[in-house]
Amino acid sequence: MRTTNRVNPQVRPTNSQSRNSKKTAVPPANLNPTNANSDRPRPRRVFDARSLAASQSGAQTAKILRTPRARTARNGPPARPRKFKTPAKTPSSRDRRTPRRRAPKQSDAEEGDDAQRMEIEKVYRELAEETKQAPARYNPRQPDFSNLMETWPSFPTGVTAHTAGVVEKLTSLSGRTPHGYVPPYELGNRLFKGQYVRFVDAKEKSEAVAEAQQLSQQRADEYSQRKGDLVEPEEIKFTPVGGETKKALIRTLVQGSYSEARLAKDKSPVLQEVRRHLGNNETYQTVGKSSQFTAKVEALLASSRPVKRA
């Protein structure tokens, strides 16, 4: 008879065989389903269980030595060795026989432009130095009669008091204060605009006139540029006041005598009182205001009179 070796199906494998079959048959768990490479077996991370325990007070922390990680990405290509570049040649190693490049020389036109620019800047610097105001030392004057006359009491006690009254009026009209200082350019600006100006001395007058002439020249230059024709500047000069005008100013400012309003004999005395009050009211000092008001009052008086019947 021919015998054959048959495997008995009832024979069970040993424990070692079953363990080996389980290890090879069961794949590792897929922790990241979106990554296709996650099925590959990964190396297990080694950690120290002592790091999970509670730290003891006063005890030194345990030092855990770990293997250094590779700087490559996971499942990526291995790191390649670096290639070091050869250093460039230093200037000393170059051939010294090669001639150096020289900077191109400036042309004559550029040199002429630079010289002209320097001359223009020099002229501007000279003009700036000339127009720069130099500081002047203040020299106070001792009080004397001429200094105290500006603040002299303007009581009508004598000739000196009348003079002090005139000085006080002129000072107030010109917008100055006793013993005050007004710069020359401000006086020139007032003189150019036609305002009242009072000069302390001849030097101040000459400086103010020079400033006013400069302003007149500037305005003439602006008119010339606007019109296209040459415009001459206005001359700044003073017109002497006549004797009658001086007497009228003295009577008005010093003596305080005002001319009475002369009316016809057939006019009402009410109009005379109205005109007298209008002379003391600054509201009606404008040209034409006083005559209009008087005409209106006269018309009202004429309309209120009774009509005489024969």
C-alpha atoms as a PDB file:
ATOM      1  CA  MET A   1       0.000   0.000   0.000  1.00  0.00           C
ATOM      2  CA  ARG A   2       1.068   3.546  -0.713  1.00  0.00           C
ATOM      3  CA  THR A   3       1.008   5.869   2.232  1.00  0.00           C
ATOM      4  CA  THR A   4       0.600   9.628   1.956  1.00  0.00           C
ATOM      5  CA  ASN A   5       1.180  12.310   4.554  1.00  0.00           C
ATOM      6  CA  ARG A   6      -1.990  14.207   5.126  1.00  0.00           C
ATOM      7  CA  VAL A   7      -2.447  17.115   7.407  1.00  0.00           C
ATOM      8  CA  ASN A   8      -4.905  16.544  10.103  1.00  0.00           C
ATOM      9  CA  PRO A   9      -7.292  19.512  10.148  1.00  0.00           C
ATOM     10  CA  GLN A  10      -7.871  19.032  13.818  1.00  0.00           C
ATOM     11  CA  VAL A  11      -4.246  19.740  14.650  1.00  0.00           C
ATOM     12  CA  ARG A  12      -3.945  23.236  16.070  1.00  0.00           C
ATOM     13  CA  PRO A  13      -0.827  25.470  15.688  1.00  0.00           C
ATOM     14  CA  THR A  14       1.319  26.247  18.616  1.00  0.00           C
ATOM     15  CA  ASN A  15       1.267  29.591  20.482  1.00  0.00           C
ATOM     16  CA  SER A  16       4.471  30.840  18.832  1.00  0.00           C
ATOM     17  CA  GLN A  17       3.129  30.119  15.404  1.00  0.00           C
ATOM     18  CA  SER A  18      -0.131  31.914  16.113  1.00  0.00           C
ATOM     19  CA  ARG A  19       1.694  34.948  17.422  1.00  0.00           C
ATOM     20  CA  ASN A  20       3.889  35.183  14.324  1.00  0.00           C
ATOM     21  CA  SER A  21       0.903  34.876  12.061  1.00  0.00           C
ATOM     22  CA  LYS A  22      -0.900  37.642  13.908  1.00  0.00           C
ATOM     23  CA  LYS A  23       2.045  40.019  13.628  1.00  0.00           C
ATOM     24  CA  THR A  24       2.425  39.537   9.927  1.00  0.00           C
ATOM     25  CA  ALA A  25      -1.257  39.486   9.085  1.00  0.00           C
ATOM     26  CA  VAL A  26      -2.547  42.562  11.000  1.00  0.00           C
ATOM     27  CA  PRO A  27      -1.442  45.869   9.459  1.00  0.00           C
ATOM     28  CA  PRO A  28      -0.676  48.912  11.655  1.00  0.00           C
ATOM     29  CA  ALA A  29      -3.456  51.348  12.402  1.00  0.00           C
ATOM     30  CA  ASN A  30      -3.955  54.195   9.905  1.00  0.00           C
ATOM     31  CA  LEU A  31      -3.863  57.308  12.073  1.00  0.00           C
ATOM     32  CA  ASN A  32      -4.149  59.779   9.195  1.00  0.00           C
ATOM     33  CA  PRO A  33      -6.580  58.525   6.534  1.00  0.00           C
ATOM     34  CA  THR A  34      -5.904  61.503   4.228  1.00  0.00           C
ATOM     35  CA  ASN A  35      -2.220  60.629   3.834  1.00  0.00           C
ATOM     36  CA  ALA A  36      -1.531  57.671   1.561  1.00  0.00           C
ATOM     37  CA  ASN A  37       1.878  57.043   3.091  1.00  0.00           C
ATOM     38  CA  SER A  38       0.468  56.665   6.573  1.00  0.00           C
ATOM     39  CA  ASP A  39       0.108  52.877   6.133  1.00  0.00           C
ATOM     40  CA  ARG A  40       3.845  52.464   6.277  1.00  0.00           C
ATOM     41  CA  PRO A  41       5.238  51.409   9.624  1.00  0.00           C
ATOM     42  CA  ARG A  42       6.735  54.232  11.587  1.00  0.00           C
ATOM     43  CA  PRO A  43       9.505  54.035  14.154  1.00  0.00           C
ATOM     44  CA  ARG A  44       8.326  54.109  17.683  1.00  0.00           C
ATOM     45  CA  ARG A  45       9.151  57.171  19.727  1.00  0.00           C
ATOM     46  CA  VAL A  46      11.078  56.554  22.907  1.00  0.00           C
ATOM     47  CA  PHE A  47      10.127  58.561  25.941  1.00  0.00           C
ATOM     48  CA  ASP A  48      10.978  58.450  29.572  1.00  0.00           C
ATOM     49  CA  ALA A  49       8.159  57.671  31.953  1.00  0.00           C
ATOM     50  CA  ARG A  50       9.810  59.792  34.612  1.00  0.00           C
ATOM     51  CA  SER A  51       8.903  62.922  32.667  1.00  0.00           C
ATOM     52  CA  LEU A  52       5.214  62.143  33.201  1.00  0.00           C
ATOM     53  CA  ALA A  53       5.531  61.905  36.951  1.00  0.00           C
ATOM     54  CA  ALA A  54       5.011  64.867  39.271  1.00  0.00           C
ATOM     55  CA  SER A  55       8.115  66.908  39.961  1.00  0.00           C
ATOM     56  CA  GLN A  56       9.493  66.738  43.449  1.00  0.00           C
ATOM     57  CA  SER A  57      10.005  69.981  45.316  1.00  0.00           C
ATOM     58  CA  GLY A  58      13.652  70.866  45.616  1.00  0.00           C
ATOM     59  CA  ALA A  59      14.734  67.984  43.392  1.00  0.00           C
ATOM     60  CA  GLN A  60      16.678  68.494  40.240  1.00  0.00           C
ATOM     61  CA  THR A  61      14.930  67.803  36.976  1.00  0.00           C
ATOM     62  CA  ALA A  62      16.015  64.646  35.219  1.00  0.00           C
ATOM     63  CA  LYS A  63      18.030  65.168  32.110  1.00  0.00           C
ATOM     64  CA  ILE A  64      16.753  63.066  29.229  1.00  0.00           C
ATOM     65  CA  LEU A  65      19.155  62.315  26.416  1.00  0.00           C
ATOM     66  CA  ARG A  66      17.503  61.911  23.062  1.00  0.00           C
ATOM     67  CA  THR A  67      18.920  61.086  19.699  1.00  0.00           C
ATOM     68  CA  PRO A  68      19.140  64.075  17.338  1.00  0.00           C
ATOM     69  CA  ARG A  69      16.476  64.210  14.660  1.00  0.00           C
ATOM     70  CA  ALA A  70      17.325  64.340  11.028  1.00  0.00           C
ATOM     71  CA  ARG A  71      16.569  67.646   9.320  1.00  0.00           C
ATOM     72  CA  THR A  72      14.940  65.949   6.346  1.00  0.00           C
ATOM     73  CA  ALA A  73      11.193  65.736   5.917  1.00  0.00           C
ATOM     74  CA  ARG A  74       9.388  62.546   6.756  1.00  0.00           C
ATOM     75  CA  ASN A  75       9.532  59.961   3.979  1.00  0.00           C
ATOM     76  CA  GLY A  76      11.507  62.463   1.909  1.00  0.00           C
ATOM     77  CA  PRO A  77      14.760  62.190   0.054  1.00  0.00           C
ATOM     78  CA  PRO A  78      17.945  62.055   2.121  1.00  0.00           C
ATOM     79  CA  ALA A  79      19.926  65.216   2.700  1.00  0.00           C
ATOM     80  CA  ARG A  80      22.582  65.892   0.153  1.00  0.00           C
ATOM     81  CA  PRO A  81      26.047  67.129   1.056  1.00  0.00           C
ATOM     82  CA  ARG A  82      26.569  70.840   0.654  1.00  0.00           C
ATOM     83  CA  LYS A  83      28.752  72.191  -2.057  1.00  0.00           C
ATOM     84  CA  PHE A  84      31.034  74.981  -0.980  1.00  0.00           C
ATOM     85  CA  LYS A  85      31.767  77.668  -3.551  1.00  0.00           C
ATOM     86  CA  THR A  86      35.302  78.608  -4.182  1.00  0.00           C
ATOM     87  CA  PRO A  87      36.050  82.134  -2.933  1.00  0.00           C
ATOM     88  CA  ALA A  88      36.403  84.839  -5.524  1.00  0.00           C
ATOM     89  CA  LYS A  89      39.761  86.196  -6.316  1.00  0.00           C
ATOM     90  CA  THR A  90      40.899  88.967  -4.047  1.00  0.00           C
ATOM     91  CA  PRO A  91      42.176  92.242  -5.532  1.00  0.00           C
ATOM     92  CA  SER A  92      45.685  91.273  -4.449  1.00  0.00           C
ATOM     93  CA  SER A  93      45.515  88.004  -6.394  1.00  0.00           C
ATOM     94  CA  ARG A  94      44.456  89.697  -9.611  1.00  0.00           C
ATOM     95  CA  ASP A  95      46.949  90.505 -12.208  1.00  0.00           C
ATOM     96  CA  ARG A  96      48.486  93.798 -11.227  1.00  0.00           C
ATOM     97  CA  ARG A  97      49.592  94.463 -14.748  1.00  0.00           C
ATOM     98  CA  THR A  98      46.042  95.210 -15.912  1.00  0.00           C
ATOM     99  CA  PRO A  99      45.530  99.000 -16.065  1.00  0.00           C
ATOM    100  CA  ARG A 100      42.915 100.520 -13.754  1.00  0.00           C
ATOM    101  CA  ARG A 101      39.934 102.345 -15.140  1.00  0.00           C
ATOM    102  CA  ARG A 102      40.088 106.055 -14.589  1.00  0.00           C
ATOM    103  CA  ALA A 103      37.047 108.257 -13.970  1.00  0.00           C
ATOM    104  CA  PRO A 104      36.006 110.215 -17.052  1.00  0.00           C
ATOM    105  CA  LYS A 105      37.021 113.834 -16.944  1.00  0.00           C
ATOM    106  CA  GLN A 106      34.361 116.522 -16.929  1.00  0.00           C
ATOM    107  CA  SER A 107      33.875 118.391 -20.120  1.00  0.00           C
ATOM    108  CA  ASP A 108      34.507 122.106 -20.466  1.00  0.00           C
ATOM    109  CA  ALA A 109      30.760 122.812 -20.602  1.00  0.00           C
ATOM    110  CA  GLU A 110      30.155 121.119 -17.250  1.00  0.00           C
ATOM    111  CA  GLU A 111      33.072 122.953 -15.657  1.00  0.00           C
ATOM    112  CA  GLY A 112      31.696 126.251 -16.975  1.00  0.00           C
ATOM    113  CA  ASP A 113      28.250 125.466 -15.520  1.00  0.00           C
ATOM    114  CA  ASP A 114      29.779 124.701 -12.123  1.00  0.00           C
ATOM    115  CA  ALA A 115      31.750 127.948 -12.137  1.00  0.00           C
ATOM    116  CA  GLN A 116      28.649 129.940 -13.100  1.00  0.00           C
ATOM    117  CA  ARG A 117      26.620 128.256 -10.346  1.00  0.00           C
ATOM    118  CA  MET A 118      29.282 129.099  -7.777  1.00  0.00           C
ATOM    119  CA  GLU A 119      29.322 132.740  -8.880  1.00  0.00           C
ATOM    120  CA  ILE A 120      25.539 132.986  -8.567  1.00  0.00           C
ATOM    121  CA  GLU A 121      25.618 131.464  -5.074  1.00  0.00           C
ATOM    122  CA  LYS A 122      28.347 133.907  -4.079  1.00  0.00           C
ATOM    123  CA  VAL A 123      26.246 136.874  -5.240  1.00  0.00           C
ATOM    124  CA  TYR A 124      23.228 135.603  -3.286  1.00  0.00           C
ATOM    125  CA  ARG A 125      25.333 135.213  -0.145  1.00  0.00           C
ATOM    126  CA  GLU A 126      26.625 138.767  -0.486  1.00  0.00           C
ATOM    127  CA  LEU A 127      23.075 140.108  -0.898  1.00  0.00           C
ATOM    128  CA  ALA A 128      21.911 138.165   2.161  1.00  0.00           C
ATOM    129  CA  GLU A 129      24.762 139.580   4.241  1.00  0.00           C
ATOM    130  CA  GLU A 130      23.983 143.125   3.105  1.00  0.00           C
ATOM    131  CA  THR A 131      20.271 142.877   3.921  1.00  0.00           C
ATOM    132  CA  LYS A 132      20.915 141.228   7.292  1.00  0.00           C
ATOM    133  CA  GLN A 133      20.152 143.613  10.138  1.00  0.00           C
ATOM    134  CA  ALA A 134      22.990 144.106  12.548  1.00  0.00           C
ATOM    135  CA  PRO A 135      22.118 144.243  16.265  1.00  0.00           C
ATOM    136  CA  ALA A 136      22.199 147.772  17.677  1.00  0.00           C
ATOM    137  CA  ARG A 137      23.106 148.583  21.237  1.00  0.00           C
ATOM    138  CA  TYR A 138      20.419 150.294  23.287  1.00  0.00           C
ATOM    139  CA  ASN A 139      21.605 153.543  24.807  1.00  0.00           C
ATOM    140  CA  PRO A 140      19.033 154.942  27.245  1.00  0.00           C
ATOM    141  CA  ARG A 141      18.720 158.694  27.560  1.00  0.00           C
ATOM    142  CA  GLN A 142      18.653 160.599  30.796  1.00  0.00           C
ATOM    143  CA  PRO A 143      15.270 162.164  31.635  1.00  0.00           C
ATOM    144  CA  ASP A 144      15.140 165.833  30.719  1.00  0.00           C
ATOM    145  CA  PHE A 145      12.547 168.416  29.708  1.00  0.00           C
ATOM    146  CA  SER A 146      12.214 167.135  26.137  1.00  0.00           C
ATOM    147  CA  ASN A 147      11.570 163.574  27.320  1.00  0.00           C
ATOM    148  CA  LEU A 148       9.095 164.530  30.014  1.00  0.00           C
ATOM    149  CA  MET A 149       7.144 166.837  27.712  1.00  0.00           C
ATOM    150  CA  GLU A 150       5.420 163.875  26.059  1.00  0.00           C
ATOM    151  CA  THR A 151       3.766 162.863  29.326  1.00  0.00           C
ATOM    152  CA  TRP A 152       3.325 166.381  30.657  1.00  0.00           C
ATOM    153  CA  PRO A 153      -0.110 167.033  32.160  1.00  0.00           C
ATOM    154  CA  SER A 154      -2.361 168.665  29.566  1.00  0.00           C
ATOM    155  CA  PHE A 155      -4.110 171.051  31.930  1.00  0.00           C
ATOM    156  CA  PRO A 156      -4.654 174.593  30.611  1.00  0.00           C
ATOM    157  CA  THR A 157      -2.282 176.168  33.137  1.00  0.00           C
ATOM    158  CA  GLY A 158       0.159 177.794  30.737  1.00  0.00           C
ATOM    159  CA  VAL A 159       1.956 177.633  27.409  1.00  0.00           C
ATOM    160  CA  THR A 160       3.702 174.379  28.300  1.00  0.00           C
ATOM    161  CA  ALA A 161       0.396 172.729  29.153  1.00  0.00           C
ATOM    162  CA  HIS A 162      -1.078 173.728  25.765  1.00  0.00           C
ATOM    163  CA  THR A 163       1.960 172.249  24.000  1.00  0.00           C
ATOM    164  CA  ALA A 164       1.620 169.039  25.974  1.00  0.00           C
ATOM    165  CA  GLY A 165      -2.040 168.890  24.991  1.00  0.00           C
ATOM    166  CA  VAL A 166      -1.130 169.132  21.296  1.00  0.00           C
ATOM    167  CA  VAL A 167       1.515 166.408  21.665  1.00  0.00           C
ATOM    168  CA  GLU A 168      -0.990 164.167  23.429  1.00  0.00           C
ATOM    169  CA  LYS A 169      -3.574 164.635  20.672  1.00  0.00           C
ATOM    170  CA  LEU A 170      -1.054 163.944  17.909  1.00  0.00           C
ATOM    171  CA  THR A 171       0.229 160.867  19.723  1.00  0.00           C
ATOM    172  CA  SER A 172      -3.267 159.419  20.054  1.00  0.00           C
ATOM    173  CA  LEU A 173      -4.111 160.194  16.406  1.00  0.00           C
ATOM    174  CA  SER A 174      -0.940 158.482  15.158  1.00  0.00           C
ATOM    175  CA  GLY A 175      -1.512 155.354  17.252  1.00  0.00           C
ATOM    176  CA  ARG A 176       1.573 155.758  19.424  1.00  0.00           C
ATOM    177  CA  THR A 177       2.138 155.620  23.150  1.00  0.00           C
ATOM    178  CA  PRO A 178       4.260 157.969  25.249  1.00  0.00           C
ATOM    179  CA  HIS A 179       7.895 156.833  25.334  1.00  0.00           C
ATOM    180  CA  GLY A 180       6.972 153.978  23.005  1.00  0.00           C
ATOM    181  CA  TYR A 181       8.946 152.646  20.061  1.00  0.00           C
ATOM    182  CA  VAL A 182       7.585 151.951  16.595  1.00  0.00           C
ATOM    183  CA  PRO A 183       9.937 150.298  14.044  1.00  0.00           C
ATOM    184  CA  PRO A 184      10.704 152.203  10.821  1.00  0.00           C
ATOM    185  CA  TYR A 185       9.022 149.655   8.544  1.00  0.00           C
ATOM    186  CA  GLU A 186       5.756 150.039  10.505  1.00  0.00           C
ATOM    187  CA  LEU A 187       5.903 153.836  10.210  1.00  0.00           C
ATOM    188  CA  GLY A 188       6.657 153.487   6.475  1.00  0.00           C
ATOM    189  CA  ASN A 189       3.680 151.165   6.040  1.00  0.00           C
ATOM    190  CA  ARG A 190       1.359 153.658   7.776  1.00  0.00           C
ATOM    191  CA  LEU A 191       2.745 156.492   5.693  1.00  0.00           C
ATOM    192  CA  PHE A 192       2.274 154.467   2.500  1.00  0.00           C
ATOM    193  CA  LYS A 193      -1.375 153.727   3.404  1.00  0.00           C
ATOM    194  CA  GLY A 194      -2.082 157.408   4.114  1.00  0.00           C
ATOM    195  CA  GLN A 195      -2.595 157.071   7.865  1.00  0.00           C
ATOM    196  CA  TYR A 196      -1.665 159.592  10.558  1.00  0.00           C
ATOM    197  CA  VAL A 197       2.028 159.371  11.402  1.00  0.00           C
ATOM    198  CA  ARG A 198       3.956 161.277  14.055  1.00  0.00           C
ATOM    199  CA  PHE A 199       7.765 161.342  13.939  1.00  0.00           C
ATOM    200  CA  VAL A 200       9.886 161.808  17.032  1.00  0.00           C
ATOM    201  CA  ASP A 201      12.931 163.176  15.204  1.00  0.00           C
ATOM    202  CA  ALA A 202      14.327 163.744  11.701  1.00  0.00           C
ATOM    203  CA  LYS A 203      16.156 160.393  11.628  1.00  0.00           C
ATOM    204  CA  GLU A 204      12.947 158.470  12.216  1.00  0.00           C
ATOM    205  CA  LYS A 205      11.251 160.503   9.500  1.00  0.00           C
ATOM    206  CA  SER A 206      13.934 159.740   6.894  1.00  0.00           C
ATOM    207  CA  GLU A 207      13.853 156.002   7.684  1.00  0.00           C
ATOM    208  CA  ALA A 208      10.054 155.897   7.405  1.00  0.00           C
ATOM    209  CA  VAL A 209      10.114 157.749   4.066  1.00  0.00           C
ATOM    210  CA  ALA A 210      12.689 155.265   2.711  1.00  0.00           C
ATOM    211  CA  GLU A 211      10.474 152.336   3.726  1.00  0.00           C
ATOM    212  CA  ALA A 212       7.436 153.968   2.105  1.00  0.00           C
ATOM    213  CA  GLN A 213       9.360 154.526  -1.143  1.00  0.00           C
ATOM    214  CA  GLN A 214      10.378 150.867  -1.178  1.00  0.00           C
ATOM    215  CA  LEU A 215       6.734 149.808  -0.818  1.00  0.00           C
ATOM    216  CA  SER A 216       5.760 152.185  -3.620  1.00  0.00           C
ATOM    217  CA  GLN A 217       8.433 150.650  -5.876  1.00  0.00           C
ATOM    218  CA  GLN A 218       7.164 147.133  -5.148  1.00  0.00           C
ATOM    219  CA  ARG A 219       3.606 148.105  -6.057  1.00  0.00           C
ATOM    220  CA  ALA A 220       4.819 149.755  -9.284  1.00  0.00           C
ATOM    221  CA  ASP A 221       6.688 146.565 -10.221  1.00  0.00           C
ATOM    222  CA  GLU A 222       3.545 144.484  -9.667  1.00  0.00           C
ATOM    223  CA  TYR A 223       1.499 146.836 -11.862  1.00  0.00           C
ATOM    224  CA  SER A 224       4.189 146.711 -14.559  1.00  0.00           C
ATOM    225  CA  GLN A 225       4.146 142.902 -14.631  1.00  0.00           C
ATOM    226  CA  ARG A 226       0.347 142.833 -14.705  1.00  0.00           C
ATOM    227  CA  LYS A 227      -0.146 145.437 -17.458  1.00  0.00           C
ATOM    228  CA  GLY A 228       3.004 144.781 -19.450  1.00  0.00           C
ATOM    229  CA  ASP A 229       3.981 148.471 -19.470  1.00  0.00           C
ATOM    230  CA  LEU A 230       6.406 150.357 -17.276  1.00  0.00           C
ATOM    231  CA  VAL A 231       4.632 152.037 -14.349  1.00  0.00           C
ATOM    232  CA  GLU A 232       6.462 154.739 -12.435  1.00  0.00           C
ATOM    233  CA  PRO A 233       6.296 154.555  -8.625  1.00  0.00           C
ATOM    234  CA  GLU A 234       4.492 157.286  -6.730  1.00  0.00           C
ATOM    235  CA  GLU A 235       6.725 159.842  -5.064  1.00  0.00           C
ATOM    236  CA  ILE A 236       6.499 159.999  -1.290  1.00  0.00           C
ATOM    237  CA  LYS A 237       6.638 163.628  -0.190  1.00  0.00           C
ATOM    238  CA  PHE A 238       5.026 166.025   2.276  1.00  0.00           C
ATOM    239  CA  THR A 239       2.942 169.055   1.416  1.00  0.00           C
ATOM    240  CA  PRO A 240       3.487 172.037   3.737  1.00  0.00           C
ATOM    241  CA  VAL A 241       0.443 173.152   5.686  1.00  0.00           C
ATOM    242  CA  GLY A 242      -0.741 176.731   5.250  1.00  0.00           C
ATOM    243  CA  GLY A 243      -1.132 179.296   8.016  1.00  0.00           C
ATOM    244  CA  GLU A 244      -4.924 179.169   8.031  1.00  0.00           C
ATOM    245  CA  THR A 245      -4.913 175.406   8.378  1.00  0.00           C
ATOM    246  CA  LYS A 246      -2.503 175.625  11.315  1.00  0.00           C
ATOM    247  CA  LYS A 247      -4.700 178.206  13.037  1.00  0.00           C
ATOM    248  CA  ALA A 248      -7.777 176.050  12.505  1.00  0.00           C
ATOM    249  CA  LEU A 249      -5.984 173.051  14.007  1.00  0.00           C
ATOM    250  CA  ILE A 250      -4.863 175.092  17.010  1.00  0.00           C
ATOM    251  CA  ARG A 251      -8.381 176.429  17.583  1.00  0.00           C
ATOM    252  CA  THR A 252      -9.859 172.937  17.315  1.00  0.00           C
ATOM    253  CA  LEU A 253      -7.235 170.889  19.180  1.00  0.00           C
ATOM    254  CA  VAL A 254      -5.916 173.428  21.703  1.00  0.00           C
ATOM    255  CA  GLN A 255      -8.397 176.198  22.289  1.00  0.00           C
ATOM    256  CA  GLY A 256     -11.558 174.142  21.760  1.00  0.00           C
ATOM    257  CA  SER A 257     -13.415 176.882  19.848  1.00  0.00           C
ATOM    258  CA  TYR A 258     -15.826 175.638  17.179  1.00  0.00           C
ATOM    259  CA  SER A 259     -17.497 177.793  14.542  1.00  0.00           C
ATOM    260  CA  GLU A 260     -21.206 178.260  15.138  1.00  0.00           C
ATOM    261  CA  ALA A 261     -23.601 177.079  12.488  1.00  0.00           C
ATOM    262  CA  ARG A 262     -24.960 180.096  10.677  1.00  0.00           C
ATOM    263  CA  LEU A 263     -28.598 179.863   9.652  1.00  0.00           C
ATOM    264  CA  ALA A 264     -30.848 182.158   7.771  1.00  0.00           C
ATOM    265  CA  LYS A 265     -33.172 184.379   9.720  1.00  0.00           C
ATOM    266  CA  ASP A 266     -36.258 182.537   8.511  1.00  0.00           C
ATOM    267  CA  LYS A 267     -34.915 179.142   9.638  1.00  0.00           C
ATOM    268  CA  SER A 268     -36.100 177.515  12.842  1.00  0.00           C
ATOM    269  CA  PRO A 269     -33.764 177.607  15.877  1.00  0.00           C
ATOM    270  CA  VAL A 270     -34.400 173.887  16.231  1.00  0.00           C
ATOM    271  CA  LEU A 271     -32.137 173.236  13.236  1.00  0.00           C
ATOM    272  CA  GLN A 272     -29.353 175.181  14.924  1.00  0.00           C
ATOM    273  CA  GLU A 273     -29.495 172.879  17.956  1.00  0.00           C
ATOM    274  CA  VAL A 274     -29.604 169.832  15.682  1.00  0.00           C
ATOM    275  CA  ARG A 275     -26.480 170.944  13.836  1.00  0.00           C
ATOM    276  CA  ARG A 276     -24.674 171.657  17.071  1.00  0.00           C
ATOM    277  CA  HIS A 277     -25.344 168.162  18.353  1.00  0.00           C
ATOM    278  CA  LEU A 278     -24.349 166.627  15.031  1.00  0.00           C
ATOM    279  CA  GLY A 279     -20.957 168.314  15.310  1.00  0.00           C
ATOM    280  CA  ASN A 280     -20.280 166.436  18.569  1.00  0.00           C
ATOM    281  CA  ASN A 281     -21.540 163.074  17.263  1.00  0.00           C
ATOM    282  CA  GLU A 282     -18.894 161.034  15.426  1.00  0.00           C
ATOM    283  CA  THR A 283     -21.555 158.925  13.718  1.00  0.00           C
ATOM    284  CA  TYR A 284     -22.481 161.800  11.398  1.00  0.00           C
ATOM    285  CA  GLN A 285     -18.948 163.041  10.695  1.00  0.00           C
ATOM    286  CA  THR A 286     -18.920 161.204   7.345  1.00  0.00           C
ATOM    287  CA  VAL A 287     -19.304 163.422   4.320  1.00  0.00           C
ATOM    288  CA  GLY A 288     -22.998 163.789   3.429  1.00  0.00           C
ATOM    289  CA  LYS A 289     -24.443 162.250   6.586  1.00  0.00           C
ATOM    290  CA  SER A 290     -24.966 165.519   8.455  1.00  0.00           C
ATOM    291  CA  SER A 291     -26.617 167.292   5.499  1.00  0.00           C
ATOM    292  CA  GLN A 292     -28.979 164.356   4.870  1.00  0.00           C
ATOM    293  CA  PHE A 293     -30.067 164.268   8.488  1.00  0.00           C
ATOM    294  CA  THR A 294     -30.633 168.042   8.561  1.00  0.00           C
ATOM    295  CA  ALA A 295     -32.682 167.923   5.346  1.00  0.00           C
ATOM    296  CA  LYS A 296     -34.833 165.128   6.765  1.00  0.00           C
ATOM    297  CA  VAL A 297     -35.514 167.056   9.991  1.00  0.00           C
ATOM    298  CA  GLU A 298     -36.334 170.208   8.015  1.00  0.00           C
ATOM    299  CA  ALA A 299     -38.817 168.275   5.842  1.00  0.00           C
ATOM    300  CA  LEU A 300     -40.545 166.853   8.909  1.00  0.00           C
ATOM    301  CA  LEU A 301     -40.809 170.297  10.496  1.00  0.00           C
ATOM    302  CA  ALA A 302     -42.288 171.759   7.304  1.00  0.00           C
ATOM    303  CA  SER A 303     -44.924 169.013   7.062  1.00  0.00           C
ATOM    304  CA  SER A 304     -46.013 169.495  10.684  1.00  0.00           C
ATOM    305  CA  ARG A 305     -46.607 173.255  10.347  1.00  0.00           C
ATOM    306  CA  PRO A 306     -50.273 174.357  10.008  1.00  0.00           C
ATOM    307  CA  VAL A 307     -51.255 175.791   6.641  1.00  0.00           C
ATOM    308  CA  LYS A 308     -52.384 179.434   6.779  1.00  0.00           C
ATOM    309  CA  ARG A 309     -55.719 180.069   5.041  1.00  0.00           C
ATOM    310  CA  ALA A 310     -56.790 183.412   3.679  1.00  0.00           C
END
